[in-house]
C-alpha atoms as a PDB file:
ATOM      1  CA  MET A   1      35.601  -5.662 -32.653  1.00  0.00           C
ATOM      2  CA  THR A   2      35.815  -3.443 -35.747  1.00  0.00           C
ATOM      3  CA  ASP A   3      33.262  -3.487 -38.550  1.00  0.00           C
ATOM      4  CA  ASP A   4      33.219  -1.665 -41.910  1.00  0.00           C
ATOM      5  CA  LYS A   5      31.354   1.319 -40.426  1.00  0.00           C
ATOM      6  CA  THR A   6      34.042   2.041 -37.847  1.00  0.00           C
ATOM      7  CA  ARG A   7      37.237   0.995 -39.650  1.00  0.00           C
ATOM      8  CA  GLY A   8      39.673   3.928 -39.561  1.00  0.00           C
ATOM      9  CA  VAL A   9      37.512   5.900 -37.126  1.00  0.00           C
ATOM     10  CA  ASP A  10      39.204   7.216 -33.988  1.00  0.00           C
ATOM     11  CA  THR A  11      36.161   8.591 -32.093  1.00  0.00           C
ATOM     12  CA  ILE A  12      32.566   7.329 -32.029  1.00  0.00           C
ATOM     13  CA  LEU A  13      29.475   8.928 -30.505  1.00  0.00           C
ATOM     14  CA  GLY A  14      27.076   5.993 -30.426  1.00  0.00           C
ATOM     15  CA  ALA A  15      23.345   5.870 -31.098  1.00  0.00           C
ATOM     16  CA  GLY A  16      21.344   7.009 -28.087  1.00  0.00           C
ATOM     17  CA  SER A  17      24.106   9.382 -26.933  1.00  0.00           C
ATOM     18  CA  ASP A  18      23.576  13.130 -26.589  1.00  0.00           C
ATOM     19  CA  PHE A  19      26.378  15.685 -26.403  1.00  0.00           C
ATOM     20  CA  LYS A  20      26.310  19.473 -25.960  1.00  0.00           C
ATOM     21  CA  GLY A  21      29.454  21.456 -26.627  1.00  0.00           C
ATOM     22  CA  GLN A  22      32.274  21.642 -29.131  1.00  0.00           C
ATOM     23  CA  ILE A  23      34.216  18.591 -30.340  1.00  0.00           C
ATOM     24  CA  ASN A  24      37.741  18.984 -31.762  1.00  0.00           C
ATOM     25  CA  ALA A  25      39.643  15.907 -32.914  1.00  0.00           C
ATOM     26  CA  LYS A  26      42.828  15.073 -34.756  1.00  0.00           C
ATOM     27  CA  GLY A  27      41.440  11.809 -36.173  1.00  0.00           C
ATOM     28  CA  SER A  28      38.155  10.784 -37.767  1.00  0.00           C
ATOM     29  CA  ILE A  29      34.841  10.963 -35.915  1.00  0.00           C
ATOM     30  CA  ARG A  30      31.672   8.917 -36.472  1.00  0.00           C
ATOM     31  CA  ILE A  31      28.436  10.302 -35.051  1.00  0.00           C
ATOM     32  CA  ASP A  32      25.397   8.075 -34.609  1.00  0.00           C
ATOM     33  CA  GLY A  33      23.976  10.071 -31.688  1.00  0.00           C
ATOM     34  CA  ARG A  34      22.969  13.716 -31.268  1.00  0.00           C
ATOM     35  CA  ILE A  35      25.323  16.701 -30.976  1.00  0.00           C
ATOM     36  CA  GLU A  36      24.399  20.287 -30.243  1.00  0.00           C
ATOM     37  CA  GLY A  37      27.572  22.226 -30.970  1.00  0.00           C
ATOM     38  CA  ASN A  38      30.347  22.529 -33.521  1.00  0.00           C
ATOM     39  CA  VAL A  39      32.374  19.527 -34.692  1.00  0.00           C
ATOM     40  CA  SER A  40      35.856  19.794 -36.162  1.00  0.00           C
ATOM     41  CA  SER A  41      38.340  17.143 -37.207  1.00  0.00           C
ATOM     42  CA  GLU A  42      41.721  17.276 -38.899  1.00  0.00           C
ATOM     43  CA  GLU A  43      40.603  14.166 -40.805  1.00  0.00           C
ATOM     44  CA  GLY A  44      36.979  13.131 -41.409  1.00  0.00           C
ATOM     45  CA  VAL A  45      33.495  13.382 -39.944  1.00  0.00           C
ATOM     46  CA  ILE A  46      30.907  10.688 -40.668  1.00  0.00           C
ATOM     47  CA  ILE A  47      27.291  11.263 -39.650  1.00  0.00           C
ATOM     48  CA  GLY A  48      25.424   7.948 -39.575  1.00  0.00           C
ATOM     49  CA  GLU A  49      21.767   7.546 -40.589  1.00  0.00           C
ATOM     50  CA  LYS A  50      20.592   8.183 -37.011  1.00  0.00           C
ATOM     51  CA  GLY A  51      23.153  10.914 -36.346  1.00  0.00           C
ATOM     52  CA  VAL A  52      21.965  14.490 -35.770  1.00  0.00           C
ATOM     53  CA  ILE A  53      24.168  17.579 -35.554  1.00  0.00           C
ATOM     54  CA  LYS A  54      22.969  21.091 -34.739  1.00  0.00           C
ATOM     55  CA  GLY A  55      26.156  23.037 -35.344  1.00  0.00           C
ATOM     56  CA  ASN A  56      28.885  23.657 -37.890  1.00  0.00           C
ATOM     57  CA  ILE A  57      31.212  20.950 -39.186  1.00  0.00           C
ATOM     58  CA  THR A  58      34.819  21.491 -40.289  1.00  0.00           C
ATOM     59  CA  ALA A  59      36.979  18.613 -41.582  1.00  0.00           C
ATOM     60  CA  LYS A  60      38.984  17.362 -44.536  1.00  0.00           C
ATOM     61  CA  ALA A  61      36.190  15.006 -45.596  1.00  0.00           C
ATOM     62  CA  VAL A  62      32.560  14.804 -44.475  1.00  0.00           C
ATOM     63  CA  VAL A  63      29.959  12.099 -45.156  1.00  0.00           C
ATOM     64  CA  VAL A  64      26.351  12.887 -44.208  1.00  0.00           C
ATOM     65  CA  SER A  65      23.831  10.048 -43.916  1.00  0.00           C
ATOM     66  CA  GLY A  66      21.888  11.640 -41.034  1.00  0.00           C
ATOM     67  CA  LYS A  67      20.677  15.165 -40.330  1.00  0.00           C
ATOM     68  CA  VAL A  68      22.825  18.305 -40.118  1.00  0.00           C
ATOM     69  CA  THR A  69      21.570  21.797 -39.302  1.00  0.00           C
ATOM     70  CA  GLY A  70      24.585  24.040 -39.721  1.00  0.00           C
ATOM     71  CA  ASN A  71      27.316  24.966 -42.164  1.00  0.00           C
ATOM     72  CA  VAL A  72      29.764  22.390 -43.511  1.00  0.00           C
ATOM     73  CA  HIS A  73      33.346  23.201 -44.503  1.00  0.00           C
ATOM     74  CA  ALA A  74      35.035  20.155 -46.039  1.00  0.00           C
ATOM     75  CA  ALA A  75      38.575  20.946 -47.200  1.00  0.00           C
ATOM     76  CA  LYS A  76      38.688  18.009 -49.644  1.00  0.00           C
ATOM     77  CA  ARG A  77      35.236  16.434 -50.126  1.00  0.00           C
ATOM     78  CA  LEU A  78      31.624  16.369 -48.947  1.00  0.00           C
ATOM     79  CA  GLU A  79      29.341  13.449 -49.697  1.00  0.00           C
ATOM     80  CA  ILE A  80      25.633  13.472 -48.865  1.00  0.00           C
ATOM     81  CA  MET A  81      24.129   9.982 -48.930  1.00  0.00           C
ATOM     82  CA  PRO A  82      20.501   9.201 -49.965  1.00  0.00           C
ATOM     83  CA  THR A  83      19.270   9.378 -46.343  1.00  0.00           C
ATOM     84  CA  GLY A  84      21.157  12.629 -45.674  1.00  0.00           C
ATOM     85  CA  GLN A  85      19.586  15.963 -44.787  1.00  0.00           C
ATOM     86  CA  LEU A  86      21.569  19.185 -44.685  1.00  0.00           C
ATOM     87  CA  GLN A  87      20.234  22.629 -43.863  1.00  0.00           C
ATOM     88  CA  GLY A  88      23.102  25.083 -44.078  1.00  0.00           C
ATOM     89  CA  ASP A  89      25.800  26.371 -46.373  1.00  0.00           C
ATOM     90  CA  ILE A  90      28.450  24.160 -47.951  1.00  0.00           C
ATOM     91  CA  HIS A  91      32.059  25.069 -48.723  1.00  0.00           C
ATOM     92  CA  THR A  92      34.047  22.290 -50.417  1.00  0.00           C
ATOM     93  CA  PRO A  93      36.038  21.731 -53.619  1.00  0.00           C
ATOM     94  CA  ARG A  94      34.367  18.334 -54.300  1.00  0.00           C
ATOM     95  CA  LEU A  95      30.710  17.514 -53.723  1.00  0.00           C
ATOM     96  CA  ALA A  96      28.681  14.337 -54.235  1.00  0.00           C
ATOM     97  CA  ILE A  97      24.926  14.472 -53.599  1.00  0.00           C
ATOM     98  CA  ALA A  98      22.869  11.298 -53.963  1.00  0.00           C
ATOM     99  CA  GLU A  99      19.328  11.192 -55.295  1.00  0.00           C
ATOM    100  CA  GLY A 100      16.759  11.693 -52.528  1.00  0.00           C
ATOM    101  CA  VAL A 101      18.893  14.030 -50.430  1.00  0.00           C
ATOM    102  CA  ILE A 102      17.297  17.016 -48.688  1.00  0.00           C
ATOM    103  CA  PHE A 103      19.538  20.090 -48.987  1.00  0.00           C
ATOM    104  CA  LYS A 104      18.647  23.692 -48.233  1.00  0.00           C
ATOM    105  CA  GLY A 105      21.426  26.250 -48.370  1.00  0.00           C
ATOM    106  CA  ASN A 106      24.162  27.682 -50.547  1.00  0.00           C
ATOM    107  CA  CYS A 107      27.097  25.848 -52.060  1.00  0.00           C
ATOM    108  CA  ASP A 108      30.557  27.345 -52.614  1.00  0.00           C
ATOM    109  CA  MET A 109      32.967  25.064 -54.438  1.00  0.00           C
ATOM    110  CA  GLY A 110      35.852  27.526 -54.392  1.00  0.00           C
ATOM    111  CA  PHE A 111      35.742  28.906 -57.910  1.00  0.00           C
ATOM    112  CA  GLU A 112      37.245  32.149 -56.624  1.00  0.00           C
ATOM    113  CA  LYS A 113      40.512  30.216 -56.245  1.00  0.00           C
ATOM    114  CA  TYR A 114      40.451  28.978 -59.850  1.00  0.00           C
ATOM    115  CA  GLU A 115      43.438  30.120 -61.859  1.00  0.00           C
ATOM    116  CA  PRO A 116      43.340  29.351 -65.580  1.00  0.00           C
ATOM    117  CA  ASP A 117      46.306  27.762 -67.329  1.00  0.00           C
ATOM    118  CA  PRO A 118      48.381  30.681 -68.669  1.00  0.00           C
ATOM    119  CA  LYS A 119      49.276  28.583 -71.761  1.00  0.00           C
ATOM    120  CA  PHE A 120      45.603  28.142 -72.677  1.00  0.00           C
ATOM    121  CA  ASP A 121      44.229  30.779 -75.074  1.00  0.00           C
ATOM    122  CA  PRO A 122      40.592  30.165 -76.076  1.00  0.00           C
ATOM    123  CA  THR A 123      40.869  32.750 -78.893  1.00  0.00           C
ATOM    124  CA  ARG A 124      43.812  31.012 -80.547  1.00  0.00           C
ATOM    125  CA  LYS A 125      42.939  29.097 -83.723  1.00  0.00           C
ATOM    126  CA  LYS A 126      44.406  25.711 -84.412  1.00  0.00           C
END
């Protein structure tokens, strides 16, 4: 049986589960248990409200509703939901942080890669 929380998710670590070590996946991962170690996915990582990760996360997209202690590298987007807690540095081009979130760390949204439009001249008068 598939519900809205698990639709499109390839791997699930259920509530009450504990895992120590590194997880690497090609598809999306949903974590409702506890992980001590790094998590990487070629797609997405979803941390449920009861999910806890002590380690770094690397994925295309990351959604945090639980607790993360570690750095997050989201190649496309990071979303921290109202129940989310993140202690660590963020590197992502798109970031959404809900009201009520606990976040302690630095955020890098990739401005060093910004290249201005060569046709745009702010000194030019119309």
